[in-house]
Amino acid sequence: MNNRAVKAAAQEAFWNAKMLHIGTESFMAAIIYIITQLSDDKKPLKDISVATGVAEETIIDSYRRLYPFVPRIIPKWNSKEEDLKNLCCPRNRAKTEARIYRSF
């Protein structure tokens, strides 16, 4: 997925999140993180944090809270169901943080 596709997917995901009344900066940063993890050009959590101005721990917490809604937020044309299943499942905060940090 090229940069234009990533941008288009992020914009559509933001719109979908807004329809679910999810609109804080931390959730938007988590959505950017998810979109980049589904793309060919994965970005480190630290880069997302620097670009958005949201702390890494806050992005991780927002990711955990957002995770159940991912299939409704991420555009279907952007990813397959199996791609979404490959995202880190945040059952345990410590394990989620370790896996997210390890993925880079």
C-alpha atoms as a PDB file:
ATOM      1  CA  MET A   1       0.000   0.000   0.000  1.00  0.00           C
ATOM      2  CA  ASN A   2       1.511   3.326  -1.033  1.00  0.00           C
ATOM      3  CA  ASN A   3       1.397   6.586   0.923  1.00  0.00           C
ATOM      4  CA  ARG A   4      -1.745   7.794  -0.862  1.00  0.00           C
ATOM      5  CA  ALA A   5      -3.562   4.588   0.007  1.00  0.00           C
ATOM      6  CA  VAL A   6      -2.441   4.854   3.637  1.00  0.00           C
ATOM      7  CA  LYS A   7      -3.669   8.463   3.762  1.00  0.00           C
ATOM      8  CA  ALA A   8      -7.007   7.552   2.151  1.00  0.00           C
ATOM      9  CA  ALA A   9      -7.468   4.628   4.541  1.00  0.00           C
ATOM     10  CA  ALA A  10      -6.659   6.832   7.533  1.00  0.00           C
ATOM     11  CA  GLN A  11      -9.127   9.503   6.396  1.00  0.00           C
ATOM     12  CA  GLU A  12     -11.902   6.955   5.929  1.00  0.00           C
ATOM     13  CA  ALA A  13     -11.072   5.354   9.287  1.00  0.00           C
ATOM     14  CA  PHE A  14     -11.250   8.778  10.960  1.00  0.00           C
ATOM     15  CA  TRP A  15     -14.686   9.315   9.421  1.00  0.00           C
ATOM     16  CA  ASN A  16     -15.864   5.872  10.568  1.00  0.00           C
ATOM     17  CA  ALA A  17     -14.535   6.565  14.073  1.00  0.00           C
ATOM     18  CA  LYS A  18     -16.304   9.912  14.133  1.00  0.00           C
ATOM     19  CA  MET A  19     -19.567   8.154  13.282  1.00  0.00           C
ATOM     20  CA  LEU A  20     -18.979   5.991  16.386  1.00  0.00           C
ATOM     21  CA  HIS A  21     -18.298   9.170  18.424  1.00  0.00           C
ATOM     22  CA  ILE A  22     -14.614   8.292  18.774  1.00  0.00           C
ATOM     23  CA  GLY A  23     -12.667  11.438  18.109  1.00  0.00           C
ATOM     24  CA  THR A  24      -9.899  12.222  20.563  1.00  0.00           C
ATOM     25  CA  GLU A  25      -6.330  12.760  19.404  1.00  0.00           C
ATOM     26  CA  SER A  26      -5.192   9.624  21.208  1.00  0.00           C
ATOM     27  CA  PHE A  27      -7.710   7.476  19.326  1.00  0.00           C
ATOM     28  CA  MET A  28      -6.722   9.101  16.046  1.00  0.00           C
ATOM     29  CA  ALA A  29      -3.077   8.290  16.804  1.00  0.00           C
ATOM     30  CA  ALA A  30      -4.081   4.680  17.516  1.00  0.00           C
ATOM     31  CA  ILE A  31      -5.933   4.549  14.187  1.00  0.00           C
ATOM     32  CA  ILE A  32      -2.844   5.838  12.386  1.00  0.00           C
ATOM     33  CA  TYR A  33      -0.825   3.144  14.146  1.00  0.00           C
ATOM     34  CA  ILE A  34      -3.293   0.435  13.063  1.00  0.00           C
ATOM     35  CA  ILE A  35      -3.384   1.650   9.445  1.00  0.00           C
ATOM     36  CA  THR A  36       0.404   1.674   9.242  1.00  0.00           C
ATOM     37  CA  GLN A  37       0.592  -1.828  10.719  1.00  0.00           C
ATOM     38  CA  LEU A  38      -1.724  -3.028   7.952  1.00  0.00           C
ATOM     39  CA  SER A  39       0.411  -1.365   5.274  1.00  0.00           C
ATOM     40  CA  ASP A  40       3.630  -2.541   3.667  1.00  0.00           C
ATOM     41  CA  ASP A  41       5.489   0.403   5.193  1.00  0.00           C
ATOM     42  CA  LYS A  42       5.018  -0.241   8.906  1.00  0.00           C
ATOM     43  CA  LYS A  43       5.953   2.659  11.168  1.00  0.00           C
ATOM     44  CA  PRO A  44       7.359   2.335  14.693  1.00  0.00           C
ATOM     45  CA  LEU A  45       5.120   3.395  17.546  1.00  0.00           C
ATOM     46  CA  LYS A  46       7.705   6.032  18.442  1.00  0.00           C
ATOM     47  CA  ASP A  47       7.334   7.634  14.981  1.00  0.00           C
ATOM     48  CA  ILE A  48       3.540   7.762  15.367  1.00  0.00           C
ATOM     49  CA  SER A  49       4.005   9.325  18.802  1.00  0.00           C
ATOM     50  CA  VAL A  50       6.374  11.996  17.489  1.00  0.00           C
ATOM     51  CA  ALA A  51       4.197  12.773  14.453  1.00  0.00           C
ATOM     52  CA  THR A  52       0.973  13.095  16.465  1.00  0.00           C
ATOM     53  CA  GLY A  53       2.323  14.482  19.730  1.00  0.00           C
ATOM     54  CA  VAL A  54       0.592  11.696  21.673  1.00  0.00           C
ATOM     55  CA  ALA A  55       2.624   9.689  24.208  1.00  0.00           C
ATOM     56  CA  GLU A  56       3.398   6.073  23.300  1.00  0.00           C
ATOM     57  CA  GLU A  57       1.664   4.757  26.437  1.00  0.00           C
ATOM     58  CA  THR A  58      -1.444   6.773  25.573  1.00  0.00           C
ATOM     59  CA  ILE A  59      -1.497   5.342  22.043  1.00  0.00           C
ATOM     60  CA  ILE A  60      -1.198   1.822  23.479  1.00  0.00           C
ATOM     61  CA  ASP A  61      -4.065   2.461  25.904  1.00  0.00           C
ATOM     62  CA  SER A  62      -6.214   3.907  23.106  1.00  0.00           C
ATOM     63  CA  TYR A  63      -5.341   0.917  20.914  1.00  0.00           C
ATOM     64  CA  ARG A  64      -6.557  -1.439  23.657  1.00  0.00           C
ATOM     65  CA  ARG A  65      -9.831   0.462  23.977  1.00  0.00           C
ATOM     66  CA  LEU A  66     -10.289   0.811  20.221  1.00  0.00           C
ATOM     67  CA  TYR A  67      -9.436  -2.785  19.309  1.00  0.00           C
ATOM     68  CA  PRO A  68     -13.013  -4.208  19.525  1.00  0.00           C
ATOM     69  CA  PHE A  69     -14.180  -1.593  16.999  1.00  0.00           C
ATOM     70  CA  VAL A  70     -11.374  -2.088  14.462  1.00  0.00           C
ATOM     71  CA  PRO A  71     -13.511  -4.065  11.961  1.00  0.00           C
ATOM     72  CA  ARG A  72     -16.063  -1.220  11.946  1.00  0.00           C
ATOM     73  CA  ILE A  73     -13.471   1.544  11.678  1.00  0.00           C
ATOM     74  CA  ILE A  74     -10.818   0.314   9.247  1.00  0.00           C
ATOM     75  CA  PRO A  75     -12.021   0.501   5.618  1.00  0.00           C
ATOM     76  CA  LYS A  76     -12.808  -2.911   4.158  1.00  0.00           C
ATOM     77  CA  TRP A  77     -10.936  -2.078   0.947  1.00  0.00           C
ATOM     78  CA  ASN A  78      -7.816  -1.414   3.018  1.00  0.00           C
ATOM     79  CA  SER A  79      -7.503  -4.802   4.664  1.00  0.00           C
ATOM     80  CA  LYS A  80      -8.850  -8.313   4.698  1.00  0.00           C
ATOM     81  CA  GLU A  81     -10.433  -9.905   7.737  1.00  0.00           C
ATOM     82  CA  GLU A  82      -7.370 -12.097   8.221  1.00  0.00           C
ATOM     83  CA  ASP A  83      -5.160  -8.978   8.257  1.00  0.00           C
ATOM     84  CA  LEU A  84      -7.243  -7.578  11.096  1.00  0.00           C
ATOM     85  CA  LYS A  85      -6.944 -10.879  12.968  1.00  0.00           C
ATOM     86  CA  ASN A  86      -3.156 -10.603  12.736  1.00  0.00           C
ATOM     87  CA  LEU A  87      -3.195  -7.336  14.685  1.00  0.00           C
ATOM     88  CA  CYS A  88      -1.996  -7.625  18.255  1.00  0.00           C
ATOM     89  CA  CYS A  89      -4.926  -8.569  20.515  1.00  0.00           C
ATOM     90  CA  PRO A  90      -4.661  -6.420  23.648  1.00  0.00           C
ATOM     91  CA  ARG A  91      -5.981  -8.792  26.308  1.00  0.00           C
ATOM     92  CA  ASN A  92      -3.232  -7.943  28.746  1.00  0.00           C
ATOM     93  CA  ARG A  93      -1.717  -4.461  28.876  1.00  0.00           C
ATOM     94  CA  ALA A  94       1.836  -5.642  29.616  1.00  0.00           C
ATOM     95  CA  LYS A  95       1.751  -8.269  26.858  1.00  0.00           C
ATOM     96  CA  THR A  96       0.234  -5.779  24.411  1.00  0.00           C
ATOM     97  CA  GLU A  97       2.934  -3.212  25.129  1.00  0.00           C
ATOM     98  CA  ALA A  98       5.676  -5.821  24.794  1.00  0.00           C
ATOM     99  CA  ARG A  99       4.300  -7.092  21.482  1.00  0.00           C
ATOM    100  CA  ILE A 100       3.781  -3.618  20.032  1.00  0.00           C
ATOM    101  CA  TYR A 101       7.297  -2.558  20.973  1.00  0.00           C
ATOM    102  CA  ARG A 102       8.731  -5.873  19.745  1.00  0.00           C
ATOM    103  CA  SER A 103       7.030  -5.544  16.354  1.00  0.00           C
ATOM    104  CA  PHE A 104       9.637  -2.976  15.371  1.00  0.00           C
END
